[in-house]
């Protein structure tokens, strides 16, 4: 089953924005080729320096819980971090 992901919002870890790879938290819509209802949800993902996303099989390595907490706080401050998928 193929899934298309539409990024609705994104925050980038401020410390990682200065290096080659950027850790991001995204609010996304998953659209399935099977015709099922789209689903919204959050995901952590790494973005390369050229802007492309790291194709990982379902997981992004999070260096620390502090990194995850910071990205969640930034998403809430941006006004979209309290969405329900």
PDB file of N, CA and C in Angstrom:
ATOM      1  N   UNK A   1       0.844  -1.169   0.000  1.00  0.00           N
ATOM      2  CA  UNK A   1       0.000   0.000   0.000  1.00  0.00           C
ATOM      3  C   UNK A   1       0.893   1.237   0.000  1.00  0.00           C
ATOM      4  N   UNK A   2       0.721   2.102  -0.960  1.00  0.00           N
ATOM      5  CA  UNK A   2       1.475   3.344  -1.025  1.00  0.00           C
ATOM      6  C   UNK A   2       0.765   4.423  -0.225  1.00  0.00           C
ATOM      7  N   UNK A   3       1.547   5.259   0.396  1.00  0.00           N
ATOM      8  CA  UNK A   3       1.004   6.360   1.183  1.00  0.00           C
ATOM      9  C   UNK A   3       1.641   7.650   0.706  1.00  0.00           C
ATOM     10  N   UNK A   4       0.826   8.656   0.508  1.00  0.00           N
ATOM     11  CA  UNK A   4       1.316   9.985   0.170  1.00  0.00           C
ATOM     12  C   UNK A   4       1.186  10.836   1.419  1.00  0.00           C
ATOM     13  N   UNK A   5       2.250  11.566   1.734  1.00  0.00           N
ATOM     14  CA  UNK A   5       2.259  12.387   2.934  1.00  0.00           C
ATOM     15  C   UNK A   5       2.288  13.850   2.520  1.00  0.00           C
ATOM     16  N   UNK A   6       1.347  14.611   3.054  1.00  0.00           N
ATOM     17  CA  UNK A   6       1.276  16.047   2.795  1.00  0.00           C
ATOM     18  C   UNK A   6       1.657  16.759   4.085  1.00  0.00           C
ATOM     19  N   UNK A   7       2.708  17.579   4.042  1.00  0.00           N
ATOM     20  CA  UNK A   7       3.157  18.315   5.216  1.00  0.00           C
ATOM     21  C   UNK A   7       2.275  19.550   5.378  1.00  0.00           C
ATOM     22  N   UNK A   8       1.608  19.631   6.522  1.00  0.00           N
ATOM     23  CA  UNK A   8       0.725  20.755   6.811  1.00  0.00           C
ATOM     24  C   UNK A   8       1.447  21.839   7.607  1.00  0.00           C
ATOM     25  N   UNK A   9       2.309  21.433   8.544  1.00  0.00           N
ATOM     26  CA  UNK A   9       3.117  22.361   9.341  1.00  0.00           C
ATOM     27  C   UNK A   9       4.422  21.677   9.707  1.00  0.00           C
ATOM     28  N   UNK A  10       5.445  22.496   9.979  1.00  0.00           N
ATOM     29  CA  UNK A  10       6.754  21.943  10.326  1.00  0.00           C
ATOM     30  C   UNK A  10       7.501  22.931  11.201  1.00  0.00           C
ATOM     31  N   UNK A  11       8.200  22.397  12.215  1.00  0.00           N
ATOM     32  CA  UNK A  11       9.183  23.178  12.968  1.00  0.00           C
ATOM     33  C   UNK A  11      10.514  22.442  12.870  1.00  0.00           C
ATOM     34  N   UNK A  12      11.596  23.212  12.887  1.00  0.00           N
ATOM     35  CA  UNK A  12      12.950  22.674  12.774  1.00  0.00           C
ATOM     36  C   UNK A  12      13.686  22.946  14.080  1.00  0.00           C
ATOM     37  N   UNK A  13      14.385  21.948  14.573  1.00  0.00           N
ATOM     38  CA  UNK A  13      15.181  22.117  15.790  1.00  0.00           C
ATOM     39  C   UNK A  13      16.207  23.222  15.540  1.00  0.00           C
ATOM     40  N   UNK A  14      16.229  24.277  16.362  1.00  0.00           N
ATOM     41  CA  UNK A  14      17.112  25.412  16.075  1.00  0.00           C
ATOM     42  C   UNK A  14      18.596  25.063  16.088  1.00  0.00           C
ATOM     43  N   UNK A  15      19.029  24.128  16.931  1.00  0.00           N
ATOM     44  CA  UNK A  15      20.441  23.758  16.947  1.00  0.00           C
ATOM     45  C   UNK A  15      20.819  22.941  15.728  1.00  0.00           C
ATOM     46  N   UNK A  16      19.893  22.160  15.225  1.00  0.00           N
ATOM     47  CA  UNK A  16      20.177  21.310  14.073  1.00  0.00           C
ATOM     48  C   UNK A  16      20.089  22.082  12.766  1.00  0.00           C
ATOM     49  N   UNK A  17      19.470  23.248  12.779  1.00  0.00           N
ATOM     50  CA  UNK A  17      19.333  24.035  11.553  1.00  0.00           C
ATOM     51  C   UNK A  17      20.681  24.574  11.076  1.00  0.00           C
ATOM     52  N   UNK A  18      21.698  24.475  11.919  1.00  0.00           N
ATOM     53  CA  UNK A  18      23.011  25.005  11.554  1.00  0.00           C
ATOM     54  C   UNK A  18      23.941  23.910  11.020  1.00  0.00           C
ATOM     55  N   UNK A  19      23.447  22.677  10.938  1.00  0.00           N
ATOM     56  CA  UNK A  19      24.263  21.561  10.458  1.00  0.00           C
ATOM     57  C   UNK A  19      23.645  20.991   9.182  1.00  0.00           C
ATOM     58  N   UNK A  20      24.277  19.960   8.639  1.00  0.00           N
ATOM     59  CA  UNK A  20      23.820  19.396   7.375  1.00  0.00           C
ATOM     60  C   UNK A  20      22.414  18.819   7.441  1.00  0.00           C
ATOM     61  N   UNK A  21      22.071  18.144   8.529  1.00  0.00           N
ATOM     62  CA  UNK A  21      20.776  17.499   8.661  1.00  0.00           C
ATOM     63  C   UNK A  21      19.953  18.243   9.698  1.00  0.00           C
ATOM     64  N   UNK A  22      18.661  18.418   9.451  1.00  0.00           N
ATOM     65  CA  UNK A  22      17.783  19.175  10.337  1.00  0.00           C
ATOM     66  C   UNK A  22      16.698  18.250  10.895  1.00  0.00           C
ATOM     67  N   UNK A  23      16.616  18.152  12.215  1.00  0.00           N
ATOM     68  CA  UNK A  23      15.561  17.373  12.837  1.00  0.00           C
ATOM     69  C   UNK A  23      14.291  18.206  12.848  1.00  0.00           C
ATOM     70  N   UNK A  24      13.196  17.640  12.341  1.00  0.00           N
ATOM     71  CA  UNK A  24      11.930  18.356  12.212  1.00  0.00           C
ATOM     72  C   UNK A  24      10.807  17.592  12.896  1.00  0.00           C
ATOM     73  N   UNK A  25       9.817  18.342  13.344  1.00  0.00           N
ATOM     74  CA  UNK A  25       8.542  17.774  13.765  1.00  0.00           C
ATOM     75  C   UNK A  25       7.506  18.316  12.790  1.00  0.00           C
ATOM     76  N   UNK A  26       6.709  17.422  12.242  1.00  0.00           N
ATOM     77  CA  UNK A  26       5.719  17.813  11.238  1.00  0.00           C
ATOM     78  C   UNK A  26       4.323  17.368  11.650  1.00  0.00           C
ATOM     79  N   UNK A  27       3.341  18.176  11.279  1.00  0.00           N
ATOM     80  CA  UNK A  27       1.919  17.818  11.336  1.00  0.00           C
ATOM     81  C   UNK A  27       1.566  17.496   9.902  1.00  0.00           C
ATOM     82  N   UNK A  28       1.162  16.253   9.635  1.00  0.00           N
ATOM     83  CA  UNK A  28       1.005  15.787   8.259  1.00  0.00           C
ATOM     84  C   UNK A  28      -0.336  15.108   8.043  1.00  0.00           C
ATOM     85  N   UNK A  29      -0.688  14.981   6.780  1.00  0.00           N
ATOM     86  CA  UNK A  29      -1.865  14.202   6.369  1.00  0.00           C
ATOM     87  C   UNK A  29      -1.365  13.006   5.568  1.00  0.00           C
ATOM     88  N   UNK A  30      -1.752  11.820   6.011  1.00  0.00           N
ATOM     89  CA  UNK A  30      -1.432  10.584   5.308  1.00  0.00           C
ATOM     90  C   UNK A  30      -2.602  10.240   4.403  1.00  0.00           C
ATOM     91  N   UNK A  31      -2.348  10.130   3.106  1.00  0.00           N
ATOM     92  CA  UNK A  31      -3.374   9.744   2.135  1.00  0.00           C
ATOM     93  C   UNK A  31      -2.967   8.410   1.528  1.00  0.00           C
ATOM     94  N   UNK A  32      -3.890   7.447   1.606  1.00  0.00           N
ATOM     95  CA  UNK A  32      -3.605   6.075   1.198  1.00  0.00           C
ATOM     96  C   UNK A  32      -4.161   5.802  -0.191  1.00  0.00           C
ATOM     97  N   UNK A  33      -3.380   5.078  -0.982  1.00  0.00           N
ATOM     98  CA  UNK A  33      -3.810   4.716  -2.335  1.00  0.00           C
ATOM     99  C   UNK A  33      -4.993   3.764  -2.335  1.00  0.00           C
ATOM    100  N   UNK A  34      -5.264   3.134  -1.216  1.00  0.00           N
ATOM    101  CA  UNK A  34      -6.367   2.179  -1.144  1.00  0.00           C
ATOM    102  C   UNK A  34      -7.718   2.866  -1.096  1.00  0.00           C
ATOM    103  N   UNK A  35      -7.726   4.185  -1.031  1.00  0.00           N
ATOM    104  CA  UNK A  35      -8.981   4.923  -1.021  1.00  0.00           C
ATOM    105  C   UNK A  35      -9.567   5.142   0.349  1.00  0.00           C
ATOM    106  N   UNK A  36      -8.882   4.733   1.394  1.00  0.00           N
ATOM    107  CA  UNK A  36      -9.366   4.957   2.747  1.00  0.00           C
ATOM    108  C   UNK A  36      -9.354   6.442   3.095  1.00  0.00           C
ATOM    109  N   UNK A  37      -9.959   6.743   4.220  1.00  0.00           N
ATOM    110  CA  UNK A  37      -9.997   8.128   4.681  1.00  0.00           C
ATOM    111  C   UNK A  37      -8.587   8.615   5.020  1.00  0.00           C
ATOM    112  N   UNK A  38      -8.253   9.854   4.654  1.00  0.00           N
ATOM    113  CA  UNK A  38      -6.956  10.411   5.059  1.00  0.00           C
ATOM    114  C   UNK A  38      -6.881  10.509   6.578  1.00  0.00           C
ATOM    115  N   UNK A  39      -5.671  10.422   7.100  1.00  0.00           N
ATOM    116  CA  UNK A  39      -5.446  10.546   8.538  1.00  0.00           C
ATOM    117  C   UNK A  39      -4.386  11.596   8.793  1.00  0.00           C
ATOM    118  N   UNK A  40      -4.617  12.425   9.805  1.00  0.00           N
ATOM    119  CA  UNK A  40      -3.630  13.415  10.215  1.00  0.00           C
ATOM    120  C   UNK A  40      -2.851  12.888  11.403  1.00  0.00           C
ATOM    121  N   UNK A  41      -1.610  13.334  11.538  1.00  0.00           N
ATOM    122  CA  UNK A  41      -0.797  12.942  12.675  1.00  0.00           C
ATOM    123  C   UNK A  41       0.537  13.673  12.666  1.00  0.00           C
ATOM    124  N   UNK A  42       1.315  13.429  13.705  1.00  0.00           N
ATOM    125  CA  UNK A  42       2.642  14.036  13.848  1.00  0.00           C
ATOM    126  C   UNK A  42       3.702  13.029  13.436  1.00  0.00           C
ATOM    127  N   UNK A  43       4.838  13.544  12.999  1.00  0.00           N
ATOM    128  CA  UNK A  43       5.995  12.680  12.773  1.00  0.00           C
ATOM    129  C   UNK A  43       7.267  13.497  12.966  1.00  0.00           C
ATOM    130  N   UNK A  44       8.294  12.828  13.471  1.00  0.00           N
ATOM    131  CA  UNK A  44       9.644  13.368  13.486  1.00  0.00           C
ATOM    132  C   UNK A  44      10.319  12.864  12.225  1.00  0.00           C
ATOM    133  N   UNK A  45      11.104  13.729  11.592  1.00  0.00           N
ATOM    134  CA  UNK A  45      11.786  13.349  10.354  1.00  0.00           C
ATOM    135  C   UNK A  45      13.033  14.209  10.203  1.00  0.00           C
ATOM    136  N   UNK A  46      14.005  13.665   9.526  1.00  0.00           N
ATOM    137  CA  UNK A  46      15.231  14.417   9.232  1.00  0.00           C
ATOM    138  C   UNK A  46      15.156  14.983   7.827  1.00  0.00           C
ATOM    139  N   UNK A  47      15.542  16.244   7.695  1.00  0.00           N
ATOM    140  CA  UNK A  47      15.598  16.918   6.404  1.00  0.00           C
ATOM    141  C   UNK A  47      17.072  17.179   6.085  1.00  0.00           C
ATOM    142  N   UNK A  48      17.466  16.807   4.888  1.00  0.00           N
ATOM    143  CA  UNK A  48      18.848  17.029   4.459  1.00  0.00           C
ATOM    144  C   UNK A  48      19.082  18.511   4.163  1.00  0.00           C
ATOM    145  N   UNK A  49      20.348  18.868   4.050  1.00  0.00           N
ATOM    146  CA  UNK A  49      20.731  20.258   3.774  1.00  0.00           C
ATOM    147  C   UNK A  49      20.077  20.776   2.487  1.00  0.00           C
ATOM    148  N   UNK A  50      19.878  19.894   1.500  1.00  0.00           N
ATOM    149  CA  UNK A  50      19.280  20.323   0.227  1.00  0.00           C
ATOM    150  C   UNK A  50      17.751  20.392   0.291  1.00  0.00           C
ATOM    151  N   UNK A  51      17.174  20.099   1.483  1.00  0.00           N
ATOM    152  CA  UNK A  51      15.731  20.194   1.652  1.00  0.00           C
ATOM    153  C   UNK A  51      14.978  18.898   1.474  1.00  0.00           C
ATOM    154  N   UNK A  52      15.633  17.861   0.959  1.00  0.00           N
ATOM    155  CA  UNK A  52      14.938  16.582   0.774  1.00  0.00           C
ATOM    156  C   UNK A  52      14.803  15.870   2.121  1.00  0.00           C
ATOM    157  N   UNK A  53      13.818  14.997   2.212  1.00  0.00           N
ATOM    158  CA  UNK A  53      13.556  14.271   3.441  1.00  0.00           C
ATOM    159  C   UNK A  53      14.273  12.928   3.442  1.00  0.00           C
ATOM    160  N   UNK A  54      14.708  12.488   4.624  1.00  0.00           N
ATOM    161  CA  UNK A  54      15.339  11.187   4.743  1.00  0.00           C
ATOM    162  C   UNK A  54      14.265  10.110   4.648  1.00  0.00           C
ATOM    163  N   UNK A  55      14.427   9.215   3.718  1.00  0.00           N
ATOM    164  CA  UNK A  55      13.477   8.116   3.563  1.00  0.00           C
ATOM    165  C   UNK A  55      13.847   7.029   4.560  1.00  0.00           C
ATOM    166  N   UNK A  56      13.155   7.006   5.693  1.00  0.00           N
ATOM    167  CA  UNK A  56      13.399   5.998   6.721  1.00  0.00           C
ATOM    168  C   UNK A  56      12.174   5.099   6.808  1.00  0.00           C
ATOM    169  N   UNK A  57      12.375   3.883   7.191  1.00  0.00           N
ATOM    170  CA  UNK A  57      11.269   2.927   7.311  1.00  0.00           C
ATOM    171  C   UNK A  57      10.535   3.122   8.637  1.00  0.00           C
ATOM    172  N   UNK A  58       9.790   4.220   8.740  1.00  0.00           N
ATOM    173  CA  UNK A  58       8.899   4.408   9.866  1.00  0.00           C
ATOM    174  C   UNK A  58       9.466   5.097  11.086  1.00  0.00           C
ATOM    175  N   UNK A  59      10.767   5.354  11.123  1.00  0.00           N
ATOM    176  CA  UNK A  59      11.333   5.944  12.323  1.00  0.00           C
ATOM    177  C   UNK A  59      12.402   6.960  12.001  1.00  0.00           C
ATOM    178  N   UNK A  60      12.480   7.955  12.854  1.00  0.00           N
ATOM    179  CA  UNK A  60      13.573   8.919  12.793  1.00  0.00           C
ATOM    180  C   UNK A  60      14.307   8.843  14.127  1.00  0.00           C
ATOM    181  N   UNK A  61      15.605   8.808  14.083  1.00  0.00           N
ATOM    182  CA  UNK A  61      16.390   8.766  15.321  1.00  0.00           C
ATOM    183  C   UNK A  61      16.304  10.126  16.001  1.00  0.00           C
ATOM    184  N   UNK A  62      15.866  10.140  17.252  1.00  0.00           N
ATOM    185  CA  UNK A  62      15.776  11.364  18.032  1.00  0.00           C
ATOM    186  C   UNK A  62      16.950  11.337  19.014  1.00  0.00           C
ATOM    187  N   UNK A  63      17.866  12.318  18.936  1.00  0.00           N
ATOM    188  CA  UNK A  63      19.060  12.273  19.788  1.00  0.00           C
ATOM    189  C   UNK A  63      18.763  12.263  21.289  1.00  0.00           C
ATOM    190  N   UNK A  64      17.719  12.969  21.720  1.00  0.00           N
ATOM    191  CA  UNK A  64      17.387  12.996  23.142  1.00  0.00           C
ATOM    192  C   UNK A  64      15.920  13.362  23.315  1.00  0.00           C
ATOM    193  N   UNK A  65      15.374  13.033  24.476  1.00  0.00           N
ATOM    194  CA  UNK A  65      14.001  13.454  24.772  1.00  0.00           C
ATOM    195  C   UNK A  65      13.911  14.967  24.854  1.00  0.00           C
ATOM    196  N   UNK A  66      15.005  15.623  25.243  1.00  0.00           N
ATOM    197  CA  UNK A  66      15.031  17.081  25.254  1.00  0.00           C
ATOM    198  C   UNK A  66      14.806  17.659  23.866  1.00  0.00           C
ATOM    199  N   UNK A  67      15.377  17.017  22.847  1.00  0.00           N
ATOM    200  CA  UNK A  67      15.156  17.464  21.465  1.00  0.00           C
ATOM    201  C   UNK A  67      13.691  17.326  21.084  1.00  0.00           C
ATOM    202  N   UNK A  68      13.084  16.194  21.432  1.00  0.00           N
ATOM    203  CA  UNK A  68      11.670  15.970  21.122  1.00  0.00           C
ATOM    204  C   UNK A  68      10.801  16.985  21.857  1.00  0.00           C
ATOM    205  N   UNK A  69      11.087  17.203  23.143  1.00  0.00           N
ATOM    206  CA  UNK A  69      10.300  18.154  23.934  1.00  0.00           C
ATOM    207  C   UNK A  69      10.405  19.566  23.379  1.00  0.00           C
ATOM    208  N   UNK A  70      11.599  19.956  22.938  1.00  0.00           N
ATOM    209  CA  UNK A  70      11.777  21.293  22.363  1.00  0.00           C
ATOM    210  C   UNK A  70      10.940  21.452  21.101  1.00  0.00           C
ATOM    211  N   UNK A  71      10.983  20.466  20.214  1.00  0.00           N
ATOM    212  CA  UNK A  71      10.202  20.559  18.982  1.00  0.00           C
ATOM    213  C   UNK A  71       8.702  20.593  19.277  1.00  0.00           C
ATOM    214  N   UNK A  72       8.260  19.822  20.250  1.00  0.00           N
ATOM    215  CA  UNK A  72       6.837  19.844  20.624  1.00  0.00           C
ATOM    216  C   UNK A  72       6.463  21.216  21.168  1.00  0.00           C
ATOM    217  N   UNK A  73       7.321  21.782  22.012  1.00  0.00           N
ATOM    218  CA  UNK A  73       7.049  23.128  22.552  1.00  0.00           C
ATOM    219  C   UNK A  73       6.980  24.165  21.426  1.00  0.00           C
ATOM    220  N   UNK A  74       7.913  24.082  20.472  1.00  0.00           N
ATOM    221  CA  UNK A  74       7.911  25.025  19.347  1.00  0.00           C
ATOM    222  C   UNK A  74       6.637  24.897  18.513  1.00  0.00           C
ATOM    223  N   UNK A  75       6.168  23.662  18.316  1.00  0.00           N
ATOM    224  CA  UNK A  75       4.928  23.454  17.560  1.00  0.00           C
ATOM    225  C   UNK A  75       3.742  24.055  18.301  1.00  0.00           C
ATOM    226  N   UNK A  76       3.704  23.891  19.625  1.00  0.00           N
ATOM    227  CA  UNK A  76       2.611  24.490  20.401  1.00  0.00           C
ATOM    228  C   UNK A  76       2.672  26.008  20.336  1.00  0.00           C
ATOM    229  N   UNK A  77       3.864  26.559  20.448  1.00  0.00           N
ATOM    230  CA  UNK A  77       4.024  28.020  20.363  1.00  0.00           C
ATOM    231  C   UNK A  77       3.627  28.549  18.996  1.00  0.00           C
ATOM    232  N   UNK A  78       3.809  27.732  17.959  1.00  0.00           N
ATOM    233  CA  UNK A  78       3.440  28.129  16.590  1.00  0.00           C
ATOM    234  C   UNK A  78       1.925  28.005  16.371  1.00  0.00           C
ATOM    235  N   UNK A  79       1.217  27.413  17.327  1.00  0.00           N
ATOM    236  CA  UNK A  79      -0.232  27.350  17.240  1.00  0.00           C
ATOM    237  C   UNK A  79      -0.816  26.077  16.653  1.00  0.00           C
ATOM    238  N   UNK A  80       0.016  25.086  16.343  1.00  0.00           N
ATOM    239  CA  UNK A  80      -0.512  23.856  15.759  1.00  0.00           C
ATOM    240  C   UNK A  80      -0.113  22.608  16.536  1.00  0.00           C
ATOM    241  N   UNK A  81       0.523  22.760  17.664  1.00  0.00           N
ATOM    242  CA  UNK A  81       1.024  21.613  18.410  1.00  0.00           C
ATOM    243  C   UNK A  81       0.021  20.931  19.317  1.00  0.00           C
ATOM    244  N   UNK A  82      -1.236  21.310  19.252  1.00  0.00           N
ATOM    245  CA  UNK A  82      -2.266  20.666  20.070  1.00  0.00           C
ATOM    246  C   UNK A  82      -3.319  19.995  19.208  1.00  0.00           C
ATOM    247  N   UNK A  83      -2.981  19.726  17.959  1.00  0.00           N
ATOM    248  CA  UNK A  83      -3.925  19.067  17.041  1.00  0.00           C
ATOM    249  C   UNK A  83      -4.141  17.616  17.472  1.00  0.00           C
ATOM    250  N   UNK A  84      -5.299  17.084  17.132  1.00  0.00           N
ATOM    251  CA  UNK A  84      -5.588  15.671  17.355  1.00  0.00           C
ATOM    252  C   UNK A  84      -5.741  14.982  16.000  1.00  0.00           C
ATOM    253  N   UNK A  85      -5.035  13.893  15.829  1.00  0.00           N
ATOM    254  CA  UNK A  85      -5.086  13.160  14.568  1.00  0.00           C
ATOM    255  C   UNK A  85      -6.193  12.131  14.544  1.00  0.00           C
TER     256      UNK A  85
END
